[in-house]
């Protein structure tokens, strides 16, 4: 923590006048003795001016973000309050072709009072299956989650998520969790992914719910040439990616009450659209699931690297220009 000269001066005066003694007073103030005596000696030598913090000479001064760009970060943060500092950094890089690091965005937002809590990642389920996928449509994760619709009762959301990209291939709001709903969801996912007539189909990863261990589903998967992988009983970590997706989705969608299935379906459609195409995912190089799923990830990462190099070179030239004047 950095103290201002006035704060250092007040602490010095407090220690000088304290009846507790230097050691006990500094302990109460939670200030290191060495730090205090550095201040005190500087004060005795140079007076109040000795308490002014010296600016360290940095080789990275040329990389300082100018005020106009800092103001633009704040403006974009206010226009896009749903974006975290990490997501905002990559949004700026991709949209405005101007590189700015995640840490710089965080510091700018914090300095302007736009971050009030520390950023953290809550994870209770593993994000990766033991046999990691290397391409899209190698393995799909599927599961049900539930919502209560006022006056209608419980409804169930069946989802198919691509393991490699985390892209939501298909989802369906159902009134039951029967096997036929699972089969319909997988049918539609195959059509959307254009793998219906492929010889090699995605593996299907699920838990051990009754609809997933039924003979009916086993026959359906065999007829469709789909290998079924099930997680260990009472061990939901295996389906970590879809569990994490459900948690993120319900944190947003369940903020409202829904009085008809149609209202809930509209909310789900809006969230899935945002999740697939707009949400930067840290686990996939801060790309969106759609960018990875549709094979644009490598091109975007290359463009980001070019943007970063150009932005840093421009900052260096600007710094050298002002240094010569």
C-alpha atoms as a PDB file:
ATOM      1  CA  UNK A   1       0.000   0.000   0.000  1.00  0.00           C
ATOM      2  CA  UNK A   2       1.306   3.455  -0.935  1.00  0.00           C
ATOM      3  CA  UNK A   3       0.873   6.364   1.499  1.00  0.00           C
ATOM      4  CA  UNK A   4       0.682  10.010   0.479  1.00  0.00           C
ATOM      5  CA  UNK A   5       3.202  12.477   1.953  1.00  0.00           C
ATOM      6  CA  UNK A   6       0.511  13.906   4.255  1.00  0.00           C
ATOM      7  CA  UNK A   7      -0.369  10.421   5.519  1.00  0.00           C
ATOM      8  CA  UNK A   8       3.301   9.649   6.204  1.00  0.00           C
ATOM      9  CA  UNK A   9       3.647  12.944   8.075  1.00  0.00           C
ATOM     10  CA  UNK A  10       0.591  12.205  10.235  1.00  0.00           C
ATOM     11  CA  UNK A  11       1.967   8.739  11.059  1.00  0.00           C
ATOM     12  CA  UNK A  12       5.338  10.234  12.048  1.00  0.00           C
ATOM     13  CA  UNK A  13       3.635  12.786  14.321  1.00  0.00           C
ATOM     14  CA  UNK A  14       1.445  10.039  15.818  1.00  0.00           C
ATOM     15  CA  UNK A  15       4.437   7.816  16.589  1.00  0.00           C
ATOM     16  CA  UNK A  16       6.389  10.739  18.072  1.00  0.00           C
ATOM     17  CA  UNK A  17       3.543  11.604  20.432  1.00  0.00           C
ATOM     18  CA  UNK A  18       2.450   8.073  21.294  1.00  0.00           C
ATOM     19  CA  UNK A  19       2.850   6.832  24.865  1.00  0.00           C
ATOM     20  CA  UNK A  20       2.935   3.203  23.664  1.00  0.00           C
ATOM     21  CA  UNK A  21       6.433   3.386  22.240  1.00  0.00           C
ATOM     22  CA  UNK A  22       7.540   3.053  18.631  1.00  0.00           C
ATOM     23  CA  UNK A  23       7.297  -0.735  18.311  1.00  0.00           C
ATOM     24  CA  UNK A  24       3.817  -1.100  19.810  1.00  0.00           C
ATOM     25  CA  UNK A  25       2.469   1.931  17.946  1.00  0.00           C
ATOM     26  CA  UNK A  26       3.725   0.672  14.586  1.00  0.00           C
ATOM     27  CA  UNK A  27       2.296  -2.760  15.377  1.00  0.00           C
ATOM     28  CA  UNK A  28      -1.116  -1.184  16.011  1.00  0.00           C
ATOM     29  CA  UNK A  29      -0.817   0.762  12.762  1.00  0.00           C
ATOM     30  CA  UNK A  30       0.390  -2.393  10.927  1.00  0.00           C
ATOM     31  CA  UNK A  31       3.403  -0.579   9.500  1.00  0.00           C
ATOM     32  CA  UNK A  32       6.792  -2.205   9.129  1.00  0.00           C
ATOM     33  CA  UNK A  33       9.519  -0.655  11.332  1.00  0.00           C
ATOM     34  CA  UNK A  34      12.018  -0.481   8.461  1.00  0.00           C
ATOM     35  CA  UNK A  35       9.479   1.315   6.297  1.00  0.00           C
ATOM     36  CA  UNK A  36       8.730   3.811   9.064  1.00  0.00           C
ATOM     37  CA  UNK A  37      12.380   4.605   9.737  1.00  0.00           C
ATOM     38  CA  UNK A  38      12.995   5.127   6.010  1.00  0.00           C
ATOM     39  CA  UNK A  39      10.243   7.753   6.093  1.00  0.00           C
ATOM     40  CA  UNK A  40      11.525   9.254   9.333  1.00  0.00           C
ATOM     41  CA  UNK A  41      15.119   9.563   8.163  1.00  0.00           C
ATOM     42  CA  UNK A  42      13.990  11.130   4.880  1.00  0.00           C
ATOM     43  CA  UNK A  43      11.837  13.589   6.845  1.00  0.00           C
ATOM     44  CA  UNK A  44      14.719  14.530   9.168  1.00  0.00           C
ATOM     45  CA  UNK A  45      17.035  15.035   6.186  1.00  0.00           C
ATOM     46  CA  UNK A  46      14.768  16.855   3.708  1.00  0.00           C
ATOM     47  CA  UNK A  47      11.687  17.823   5.663  1.00  0.00           C
ATOM     48  CA  UNK A  48       8.198  17.328   4.248  1.00  0.00           C
ATOM     49  CA  UNK A  49       9.626  17.072   0.711  1.00  0.00           C
ATOM     50  CA  UNK A  50      11.493  13.930   1.725  1.00  0.00           C
ATOM     51  CA  UNK A  51       8.163  12.162   2.150  1.00  0.00           C
ATOM     52  CA  UNK A  52       7.242  12.550  -1.514  1.00  0.00           C
ATOM     53  CA  UNK A  53       7.489   9.197  -3.214  1.00  0.00           C
ATOM     54  CA  UNK A  54      10.229   9.074  -5.807  1.00  0.00           C
ATOM     55  CA  UNK A  55       9.137   8.048  -9.269  1.00  0.00           C
ATOM     56  CA  UNK A  56      11.137   5.067 -10.388  1.00  0.00           C
ATOM     57  CA  UNK A  57      12.768   5.230 -13.773  1.00  0.00           C
ATOM     58  CA  UNK A  58      11.141   2.549 -15.855  1.00  0.00           C
ATOM     59  CA  UNK A  59      12.136   1.183 -19.214  1.00  0.00           C
ATOM     60  CA  UNK A  60       8.437   0.669 -19.948  1.00  0.00           C
ATOM     61  CA  UNK A  61       7.441   4.362 -19.616  1.00  0.00           C
ATOM     62  CA  UNK A  62       6.902   4.463 -23.373  1.00  0.00           C
ATOM     63  CA  UNK A  63       4.114   1.909 -22.924  1.00  0.00           C
ATOM     64  CA  UNK A  64       1.985   4.178 -20.753  1.00  0.00           C
ATOM     65  CA  UNK A  65      -1.642   4.388 -21.905  1.00  0.00           C
ATOM     66  CA  UNK A  66      -2.630   7.981 -22.697  1.00  0.00           C
ATOM     67  CA  UNK A  67      -5.575   9.718 -21.065  1.00  0.00           C
ATOM     68  CA  UNK A  68      -7.790   9.604 -24.169  1.00  0.00           C
ATOM     69  CA  UNK A  69      -7.450   5.831 -24.379  1.00  0.00           C
ATOM     70  CA  UNK A  70      -8.046   5.450 -20.645  1.00  0.00           C
ATOM     71  CA  UNK A  71     -11.231   7.504 -20.972  1.00  0.00           C
ATOM     72  CA  UNK A  72     -12.311   5.286 -23.882  1.00  0.00           C
ATOM     73  CA  UNK A  73     -11.887   2.180 -21.714  1.00  0.00           C
ATOM     74  CA  UNK A  74     -14.137   3.708 -19.055  1.00  0.00           C
ATOM     75  CA  UNK A  75     -16.696   4.726 -21.681  1.00  0.00           C
ATOM     76  CA  UNK A  76     -16.817   1.217 -23.156  1.00  0.00           C
ATOM     77  CA  UNK A  77     -17.072  -0.323 -19.691  1.00  0.00           C
ATOM     78  CA  UNK A  78     -20.132   1.805 -18.949  1.00  0.00           C
ATOM     79  CA  UNK A  79     -21.671   0.886 -22.309  1.00  0.00           C
ATOM     80  CA  UNK A  80     -21.004  -2.851 -21.751  1.00  0.00           C
ATOM     81  CA  UNK A  81     -21.533  -3.460 -18.020  1.00  0.00           C
ATOM     82  CA  UNK A  82     -21.943  -7.198 -18.561  1.00  0.00           C
ATOM     83  CA  UNK A  83     -18.280  -7.542 -19.602  1.00  0.00           C
ATOM     84  CA  UNK A  84     -15.619  -8.308 -17.011  1.00  0.00           C
ATOM     85  CA  UNK A  85     -12.282  -6.468 -17.228  1.00  0.00           C
ATOM     86  CA  UNK A  86     -10.802  -9.544 -18.943  1.00  0.00           C
ATOM     87  CA  UNK A  87     -13.606  -9.711 -21.502  1.00  0.00           C
ATOM     88  CA  UNK A  88     -13.500  -5.958 -22.086  1.00  0.00           C
ATOM     89  CA  UNK A  89      -9.774  -6.093 -22.883  1.00  0.00           C
ATOM     90  CA  UNK A  90     -10.313  -8.610 -25.675  1.00  0.00           C
ATOM     91  CA  UNK A  91     -13.466  -6.856 -26.867  1.00  0.00           C
ATOM     92  CA  UNK A  92     -11.412  -3.681 -27.362  1.00  0.00           C
ATOM     93  CA  UNK A  93      -8.600  -5.584 -29.083  1.00  0.00           C
ATOM     94  CA  UNK A  94     -10.941  -7.379 -31.489  1.00  0.00           C
ATOM     95  CA  UNK A  95     -13.363  -4.522 -32.158  1.00  0.00           C
ATOM     96  CA  UNK A  96     -11.112  -1.463 -32.239  1.00  0.00           C
ATOM     97  CA  UNK A  97      -7.833  -3.113 -33.287  1.00  0.00           C
ATOM     98  CA  UNK A  98      -6.116  -1.542 -30.291  1.00  0.00           C
ATOM     99  CA  UNK A  99      -4.260  -3.813 -27.873  1.00  0.00           C
ATOM    100  CA  UNK A 100      -4.670  -3.296 -24.145  1.00  0.00           C
ATOM    101  CA  UNK A 101      -3.809  -5.891 -21.504  1.00  0.00           C
ATOM    102  CA  UNK A 102      -6.318  -7.380 -19.094  1.00  0.00           C
ATOM    103  CA  UNK A 103      -4.381  -6.008 -16.122  1.00  0.00           C
ATOM    104  CA  UNK A 104      -4.382  -2.479 -17.590  1.00  0.00           C
ATOM    105  CA  UNK A 105      -8.151  -2.560 -18.069  1.00  0.00           C
ATOM    106  CA  UNK A 106      -8.591  -3.827 -14.514  1.00  0.00           C
ATOM    107  CA  UNK A 107      -6.435  -1.015 -13.081  1.00  0.00           C
ATOM    108  CA  UNK A 108      -8.249   1.650 -15.120  1.00  0.00           C
ATOM    109  CA  UNK A 109     -11.685   0.409 -14.054  1.00  0.00           C
ATOM    110  CA  UNK A 110     -10.606   0.071 -10.429  1.00  0.00           C
ATOM    111  CA  UNK A 111      -9.189   3.609 -10.405  1.00  0.00           C
ATOM    112  CA  UNK A 112     -12.556   4.871 -11.664  1.00  0.00           C
ATOM    113  CA  UNK A 113     -14.572   2.945  -9.087  1.00  0.00           C
ATOM    114  CA  UNK A 114     -16.007   0.492 -11.604  1.00  0.00           C
ATOM    115  CA  UNK A 115     -14.660  -2.589  -9.823  1.00  0.00           C
ATOM    116  CA  UNK A 116     -15.774  -3.028  -6.241  1.00  0.00           C
ATOM    117  CA  UNK A 117     -15.019  -6.706  -5.664  1.00  0.00           C
ATOM    118  CA  UNK A 118     -11.954  -8.784  -6.510  1.00  0.00           C
ATOM    119  CA  UNK A 119     -12.164 -10.892  -9.627  1.00  0.00           C
ATOM    120  CA  UNK A 120     -12.218 -14.577  -8.816  1.00  0.00           C
ATOM    121  CA  UNK A 121     -13.100 -17.841 -10.408  1.00  0.00           C
ATOM    122  CA  UNK A 122     -15.432 -20.191  -8.593  1.00  0.00           C
ATOM    123  CA  UNK A 123     -15.142 -23.746  -9.788  1.00  0.00           C
ATOM    124  CA  UNK A 124     -16.533 -26.836  -8.160  1.00  0.00           C
ATOM    125  CA  UNK A 125     -16.237 -29.115 -11.169  1.00  0.00           C
ATOM    126  CA  UNK A 126     -13.321 -30.002 -13.398  1.00  0.00           C
ATOM    127  CA  UNK A 127     -13.175 -28.114 -16.675  1.00  0.00           C
ATOM    128  CA  UNK A 128     -11.634 -30.966 -18.641  1.00  0.00           C
ATOM    129  CA  UNK A 129     -12.346 -34.622 -19.268  1.00  0.00           C
ATOM    130  CA  UNK A 130      -9.431 -37.005 -18.691  1.00  0.00           C
ATOM    131  CA  UNK A 131      -9.212 -37.771 -22.435  1.00  0.00           C
ATOM    132  CA  UNK A 132      -8.943 -34.263 -23.818  1.00  0.00           C
ATOM    133  CA  UNK A 133     -10.488 -33.517 -27.180  1.00  0.00           C
ATOM    134  CA  UNK A 134      -8.385 -31.959 -29.934  1.00  0.00           C
ATOM    135  CA  UNK A 135     -11.066 -30.813 -32.392  1.00  0.00           C
ATOM    136  CA  UNK A 136     -14.714 -29.855 -32.577  1.00  0.00           C
ATOM    137  CA  UNK A 137     -17.382 -32.555 -32.731  1.00  0.00           C
ATOM    138  CA  UNK A 138     -15.118 -35.203 -31.227  1.00  0.00           C
ATOM    139  CA  UNK A 139     -17.194 -35.364 -28.065  1.00  0.00           C
ATOM    140  CA  UNK A 140     -20.397 -33.750 -26.876  1.00  0.00           C
ATOM    141  CA  UNK A 141     -21.474 -33.308 -23.285  1.00  0.00           C
ATOM    142  CA  UNK A 142     -25.185 -33.491 -22.522  1.00  0.00           C
ATOM    143  CA  UNK A 143     -27.276 -33.009 -19.416  1.00  0.00           C
ATOM    144  CA  UNK A 144     -30.583 -31.739 -18.054  1.00  0.00           C
ATOM    145  CA  UNK A 145     -31.167 -28.831 -15.730  1.00  0.00           C
ATOM    146  CA  UNK A 146     -34.470 -27.491 -14.453  1.00  0.00           C
ATOM    147  CA  UNK A 147     -36.537 -24.299 -14.102  1.00  0.00           C
ATOM    148  CA  UNK A 148     -39.802 -23.551 -12.364  1.00  0.00           C
ATOM    149  CA  UNK A 149     -42.335 -21.609 -14.428  1.00  0.00           C
ATOM    150  CA  UNK A 150     -44.940 -19.776 -12.354  1.00  0.00           C
ATOM    151  CA  UNK A 151     -48.306 -21.514 -12.711  1.00  0.00           C
ATOM    152  CA  UNK A 152     -46.870 -24.247 -14.954  1.00  0.00           C
ATOM    153  CA  UNK A 153     -44.514 -26.166 -12.666  1.00  0.00           C
ATOM    154  CA  UNK A 154     -41.105 -27.639 -13.466  1.00  0.00           C
ATOM    155  CA  UNK A 155     -39.585 -27.585 -16.961  1.00  0.00           C
ATOM    156  CA  UNK A 156     -36.332 -29.238 -17.998  1.00  0.00           C
ATOM    157  CA  UNK A 157     -33.595 -27.970 -20.302  1.00  0.00           C
ATOM    158  CA  UNK A 158     -31.774 -30.578 -22.398  1.00  0.00           C
ATOM    159  CA  UNK A 159     -28.480 -29.279 -23.800  1.00  0.00           C
ATOM    160  CA  UNK A 160     -25.707 -30.575 -26.063  1.00  0.00           C
ATOM    161  CA  UNK A 161     -22.344 -28.800 -25.606  1.00  0.00           C
ATOM    162  CA  UNK A 162     -19.284 -29.379 -27.776  1.00  0.00           C
ATOM    163  CA  UNK A 163     -16.463 -30.436 -25.455  1.00  0.00           C
ATOM    164  CA  UNK A 164     -13.610 -28.826 -27.407  1.00  0.00           C
ATOM    165  CA  UNK A 165     -15.094 -25.391 -28.106  1.00  0.00           C
ATOM    166  CA  UNK A 166     -17.793 -25.240 -25.379  1.00  0.00           C
ATOM    167  CA  UNK A 167     -20.221 -24.218 -28.121  1.00  0.00           C
ATOM    168  CA  UNK A 168     -23.895 -24.957 -27.435  1.00  0.00           C
ATOM    169  CA  UNK A 169     -24.803 -27.104 -30.425  1.00  0.00           C
ATOM    170  CA  UNK A 170     -28.478 -27.477 -29.495  1.00  0.00           C
ATOM    171  CA  UNK A 171     -30.820 -27.108 -26.554  1.00  0.00           C
ATOM    172  CA  UNK A 172     -34.480 -27.900 -25.956  1.00  0.00           C
ATOM    173  CA  UNK A 173     -36.908 -26.910 -23.212  1.00  0.00           C
ATOM    174  CA  UNK A 174     -38.904 -29.998 -22.247  1.00  0.00           C
ATOM    175  CA  UNK A 175     -41.802 -30.820 -19.954  1.00  0.00           C
ATOM    176  CA  UNK A 176     -40.193 -34.147 -18.958  1.00  0.00           C
ATOM    177  CA  UNK A 177     -36.742 -35.734 -18.717  1.00  0.00           C
ATOM    178  CA  UNK A 178     -37.649 -38.831 -20.724  1.00  0.00           C
ATOM    179  CA  UNK A 179     -35.337 -40.656 -23.102  1.00  0.00           C
ATOM    180  CA  UNK A 180     -37.294 -39.461 -26.117  1.00  0.00           C
ATOM    181  CA  UNK A 181     -36.370 -35.859 -25.230  1.00  0.00           C
ATOM    182  CA  UNK A 182     -32.696 -36.829 -25.132  1.00  0.00           C
ATOM    183  CA  UNK A 183     -32.933 -38.508 -28.532  1.00  0.00           C
ATOM    184  CA  UNK A 184     -34.691 -35.505 -30.063  1.00  0.00           C
ATOM    185  CA  UNK A 185     -32.014 -33.144 -28.704  1.00  0.00           C
ATOM    186  CA  UNK A 186     -29.233 -35.299 -30.147  1.00  0.00           C
ATOM    187  CA  UNK A 187     -31.045 -35.597 -33.497  1.00  0.00           C
ATOM    188  CA  UNK A 188     -31.267 -31.820 -33.808  1.00  0.00           C
ATOM    189  CA  UNK A 189     -27.648 -31.408 -32.700  1.00  0.00           C
ATOM    190  CA  UNK A 190     -26.516 -33.792 -35.436  1.00  0.00           C
ATOM    191  CA  UNK A 191     -28.481 -31.853 -38.039  1.00  0.00           C
ATOM    192  CA  UNK A 192     -27.106 -28.493 -36.904  1.00  0.00           C
ATOM    193  CA  UNK A 193     -23.547 -29.827 -36.743  1.00  0.00           C
ATOM    194  CA  UNK A 194     -23.976 -31.497 -40.142  1.00  0.00           C
ATOM    195  CA  UNK A 195     -22.732 -34.843 -38.837  1.00  0.00           C
ATOM    196  CA  UNK A 196     -25.967 -36.790 -39.324  1.00  0.00           C
ATOM    197  CA  UNK A 197     -24.580 -38.792 -42.248  1.00  0.00           C
ATOM    198  CA  UNK A 198     -20.946 -38.897 -41.151  1.00  0.00           C
ATOM    199  CA  UNK A 199     -19.278 -42.233 -40.539  1.00  0.00           C
ATOM    200  CA  UNK A 200     -17.474 -40.803 -37.507  1.00  0.00           C
ATOM    201  CA  UNK A 201     -19.837 -39.296 -34.965  1.00  0.00           C
ATOM    202  CA  UNK A 202     -19.076 -37.341 -31.784  1.00  0.00           C
ATOM    203  CA  UNK A 203     -18.861 -39.394 -28.605  1.00  0.00           C
ATOM    204  CA  UNK A 204     -21.593 -38.572 -26.112  1.00  0.00           C
ATOM    205  CA  UNK A 205     -20.678 -37.868 -22.495  1.00  0.00           C
ATOM    206  CA  UNK A 206     -23.476 -37.911 -19.911  1.00  0.00           C
ATOM    207  CA  UNK A 207     -24.152 -38.717 -16.299  1.00  0.00           C
ATOM    208  CA  UNK A 208     -26.032 -41.785 -15.073  1.00  0.00           C
ATOM    209  CA  UNK A 209     -29.541 -40.355 -14.976  1.00  0.00           C
ATOM    210  CA  UNK A 210     -32.322 -42.794 -15.783  1.00  0.00           C
ATOM    211  CA  UNK A 211     -32.900 -41.291 -19.236  1.00  0.00           C
ATOM    212  CA  UNK A 212     -29.221 -41.804 -20.127  1.00  0.00           C
ATOM    213  CA  UNK A 213     -28.899 -45.450 -19.011  1.00  0.00           C
ATOM    214  CA  UNK A 214     -32.100 -46.703 -20.615  1.00  0.00           C
ATOM    215  CA  UNK A 215     -32.073 -49.533 -23.152  1.00  0.00           C
ATOM    216  CA  UNK A 216     -34.026 -47.304 -25.505  1.00  0.00           C
ATOM    217  CA  UNK A 217     -31.205 -44.731 -25.617  1.00  0.00           C
ATOM    218  CA  UNK A 218     -28.555 -47.446 -25.935  1.00  0.00           C
ATOM    219  CA  UNK A 219     -30.327 -48.811 -29.029  1.00  0.00           C
ATOM    220  CA  UNK A 220     -30.742 -45.323 -30.495  1.00  0.00           C
ATOM    221  CA  UNK A 221     -27.038 -44.493 -30.028  1.00  0.00           C
ATOM    222  CA  UNK A 222     -25.956 -47.808 -31.497  1.00  0.00           C
ATOM    223  CA  UNK A 223     -28.168 -47.257 -34.547  1.00  0.00           C
ATOM    224  CA  UNK A 224     -26.617 -43.765 -34.947  1.00  0.00           C
ATOM    225  CA  UNK A 225     -23.055 -45.032 -34.510  1.00  0.00           C
ATOM    226  CA  UNK A 226     -22.548 -42.832 -31.433  1.00  0.00           C
ATOM    227  CA  UNK A 227     -20.278 -44.080 -28.661  1.00  0.00           C
ATOM    228  CA  UNK A 228     -21.650 -43.381 -25.193  1.00  0.00           C
ATOM    229  CA  UNK A 229     -19.351 -42.428 -22.304  1.00  0.00           C
ATOM    230  CA  UNK A 230     -20.853 -42.061 -18.841  1.00  0.00           C
ATOM    231  CA  UNK A 231     -19.358 -40.392 -15.808  1.00  0.00           C
ATOM    232  CA  UNK A 232     -18.758 -42.226 -12.565  1.00  0.00           C
ATOM    233  CA  UNK A 233     -21.822 -42.358 -10.291  1.00  0.00           C
ATOM    234  CA  UNK A 234     -21.937 -39.532  -7.709  1.00  0.00           C
ATOM    235  CA  UNK A 235     -19.001 -37.855  -9.462  1.00  0.00           C
ATOM    236  CA  UNK A 236     -20.315 -34.850 -11.449  1.00  0.00           C
ATOM    237  CA  UNK A 237     -16.798 -33.493 -12.088  1.00  0.00           C
ATOM    238  CA  UNK A 238     -16.650 -35.603 -15.249  1.00  0.00           C
ATOM    239  CA  UNK A 239     -19.244 -33.330 -16.867  1.00  0.00           C
ATOM    240  CA  UNK A 240     -17.424 -30.227 -15.620  1.00  0.00           C
ATOM    241  CA  UNK A 241     -17.906 -28.087 -18.720  1.00  0.00           C
ATOM    242  CA  UNK A 242     -21.649 -28.463 -19.001  1.00  0.00           C
ATOM    243  CA  UNK A 243     -22.011 -28.156 -15.216  1.00  0.00           C
ATOM    244  CA  UNK A 244     -20.121 -24.871 -15.373  1.00  0.00           C
ATOM    245  CA  UNK A 245     -22.237 -23.705 -18.318  1.00  0.00           C
ATOM    246  CA  UNK A 246     -25.444 -24.475 -16.424  1.00  0.00           C
ATOM    247  CA  UNK A 247     -24.216 -22.505 -13.429  1.00  0.00           C
ATOM    248  CA  UNK A 248     -23.298 -19.460 -15.547  1.00  0.00           C
ATOM    249  CA  UNK A 249     -26.536 -19.626 -17.508  1.00  0.00           C
ATOM    250  CA  UNK A 250     -28.808 -19.980 -14.471  1.00  0.00           C
ATOM    251  CA  UNK A 251     -27.037 -17.121 -12.675  1.00  0.00           C
ATOM    252  CA  UNK A 252     -28.380 -14.852 -15.431  1.00  0.00           C
ATOM    253  CA  UNK A 253     -31.597 -16.470 -16.637  1.00  0.00           C
ATOM    254  CA  UNK A 254     -32.992 -17.141 -13.156  1.00  0.00           C
ATOM    255  CA  UNK A 255     -32.803 -13.464 -12.218  1.00  0.00           C
ATOM    256  CA  UNK A 256     -36.342 -13.132 -13.626  1.00  0.00           C
ATOM    257  CA  UNK A 257     -39.594 -14.977 -13.062  1.00  0.00           C
ATOM    258  CA  UNK A 258     -41.281 -16.637 -16.037  1.00  0.00           C
ATOM    259  CA  UNK A 259     -45.007 -17.166 -16.404  1.00  0.00           C
ATOM    260  CA  UNK A 260     -45.074 -19.157 -19.654  1.00  0.00           C
ATOM    261  CA  UNK A 261     -42.646 -21.563 -21.341  1.00  0.00           C
ATOM    262  CA  UNK A 262     -42.414 -19.086 -24.221  1.00  0.00           C
ATOM    263  CA  UNK A 263     -41.020 -16.370 -21.942  1.00  0.00           C
ATOM    264  CA  UNK A 264     -38.347 -18.735 -20.654  1.00  0.00           C
ATOM    265  CA  UNK A 265     -37.459 -19.888 -24.170  1.00  0.00           C
ATOM    266  CA  UNK A 266     -36.865 -16.269 -25.251  1.00  0.00           C
ATOM    267  CA  UNK A 267     -34.570 -15.704 -22.262  1.00  0.00           C
ATOM    268  CA  UNK A 268     -32.656 -18.907 -23.034  1.00  0.00           C
ATOM    269  CA  UNK A 269     -32.302 -17.952 -26.692  1.00  0.00           C
ATOM    270  CA  UNK A 270     -30.867 -14.565 -25.738  1.00  0.00           C
ATOM    271  CA  UNK A 271     -28.373 -16.086 -23.304  1.00  0.00           C
ATOM    272  CA  UNK A 272     -27.222 -18.864 -25.659  1.00  0.00           C
ATOM    273  CA  UNK A 273     -26.701 -16.313 -28.450  1.00  0.00           C
ATOM    274  CA  UNK A 274     -24.573 -14.184 -26.135  1.00  0.00           C
ATOM    275  CA  UNK A 275     -22.696 -17.191 -24.732  1.00  0.00           C
ATOM    276  CA  UNK A 276     -21.877 -18.698 -28.133  1.00  0.00           C
ATOM    277  CA  UNK A 277     -21.018 -15.546 -30.070  1.00  0.00           C
ATOM    278  CA  UNK A 278     -20.094 -12.762 -27.643  1.00  0.00           C
ATOM    279  CA  UNK A 279     -18.703 -14.198 -24.424  1.00  0.00           C
ATOM    280  CA  UNK A 280     -14.908 -14.465 -24.279  1.00  0.00           C
ATOM    281  CA  UNK A 281     -13.972 -17.716 -22.558  1.00  0.00           C
ATOM    282  CA  UNK A 282     -10.721 -17.747 -20.601  1.00  0.00           C
ATOM    283  CA  UNK A 283     -10.189 -21.509 -21.058  1.00  0.00           C
ATOM    284  CA  UNK A 284     -10.142 -21.217 -24.875  1.00  0.00           C
ATOM    285  CA  UNK A 285      -7.633 -18.368 -25.254  1.00  0.00           C
ATOM    286  CA  UNK A 286     -10.253 -15.692 -24.609  1.00  0.00           C
ATOM    287  CA  UNK A 287     -12.100 -16.577 -27.784  1.00  0.00           C
ATOM    288  CA  UNK A 288     -15.836 -17.119 -28.035  1.00  0.00           C
ATOM    289  CA  UNK A 289     -17.163 -20.680 -28.372  1.00  0.00           C
ATOM    290  CA  UNK A 290     -18.438 -19.871 -31.881  1.00  0.00           C
ATOM    291  CA  UNK A 291     -15.020 -18.616 -33.004  1.00  0.00           C
ATOM    292  CA  UNK A 292     -13.453 -21.926 -31.975  1.00  0.00           C
ATOM    293  CA  UNK A 293     -16.329 -24.119 -33.181  1.00  0.00           C
ATOM    294  CA  UNK A 294     -16.386 -22.588 -36.668  1.00  0.00           C
ATOM    295  CA  UNK A 295     -12.605 -22.672 -37.043  1.00  0.00           C
ATOM    296  CA  UNK A 296     -11.844 -18.945 -36.804  1.00  0.00           C
ATOM    297  CA  UNK A 297      -9.792 -19.125 -33.609  1.00  0.00           C
ATOM    298  CA  UNK A 298      -6.321 -19.356 -35.157  1.00  0.00           C
ATOM    299  CA  UNK A 299      -6.976 -16.456 -37.529  1.00  0.00           C
ATOM    300  CA  UNK A 300      -8.257 -14.246 -34.692  1.00  0.00           C
ATOM    301  CA  UNK A 301      -5.283 -15.063 -32.445  1.00  0.00           C
ATOM    302  CA  UNK A 302      -2.906 -14.166 -35.297  1.00  0.00           C
ATOM    303  CA  UNK A 303      -4.750 -10.887 -35.823  1.00  0.00           C
ATOM    304  CA  UNK A 304      -4.574 -10.124 -32.100  1.00  0.00           C
ATOM    305  CA  UNK A 305      -0.823 -10.650 -32.138  1.00  0.00           C
ATOM    306  CA  UNK A 306      -0.478  -8.238 -35.080  1.00  0.00           C
ATOM    307  CA  UNK A 307      -2.684  -5.718 -33.271  1.00  0.00           C
ATOM    308  CA  UNK A 308      -0.555  -6.011 -30.151  1.00  0.00           C
ATOM    309  CA  UNK A 309       2.701  -5.456 -32.058  1.00  0.00           C
ATOM    310  CA  UNK A 310       1.272  -2.465 -33.957  1.00  0.00           C
ATOM    311  CA  UNK A 311      -0.182  -0.874 -30.791  1.00  0.00           C
ATOM    312  CA  UNK A 312       3.091  -1.222 -28.860  1.00  0.00           C
ATOM    313  CA  UNK A 313       5.105   0.144 -31.787  1.00  0.00           C
ATOM    314  CA  UNK A 314       2.743   3.120 -32.079  1.00  0.00           C
ATOM    315  CA  UNK A 315       3.079   3.845 -28.349  1.00  0.00           C
ATOM    316  CA  UNK A 316       6.868   3.655 -28.586  1.00  0.00           C
ATOM    317  CA  UNK A 317       6.956   6.048 -31.563  1.00  0.00           C
ATOM    318  CA  UNK A 318       4.660   8.477 -29.748  1.00  0.00           C
ATOM    319  CA  UNK A 319       6.872   8.334 -26.653  1.00  0.00           C
ATOM    320  CA  UNK A 320      10.057   8.936 -28.710  1.00  0.00           C
ATOM    321  CA  UNK A 321       8.411  11.847 -30.517  1.00  0.00           C
ATOM    322  CA  UNK A 322       7.540  13.631 -27.264  1.00  0.00           C
ATOM    323  CA  UNK A 323      10.932  12.774 -25.728  1.00  0.00           C
ATOM    324  CA  UNK A 324      12.748  14.613 -28.537  1.00  0.00           C
ATOM    325  CA  UNK A 325      10.627  17.753 -28.133  1.00  0.00           C
END
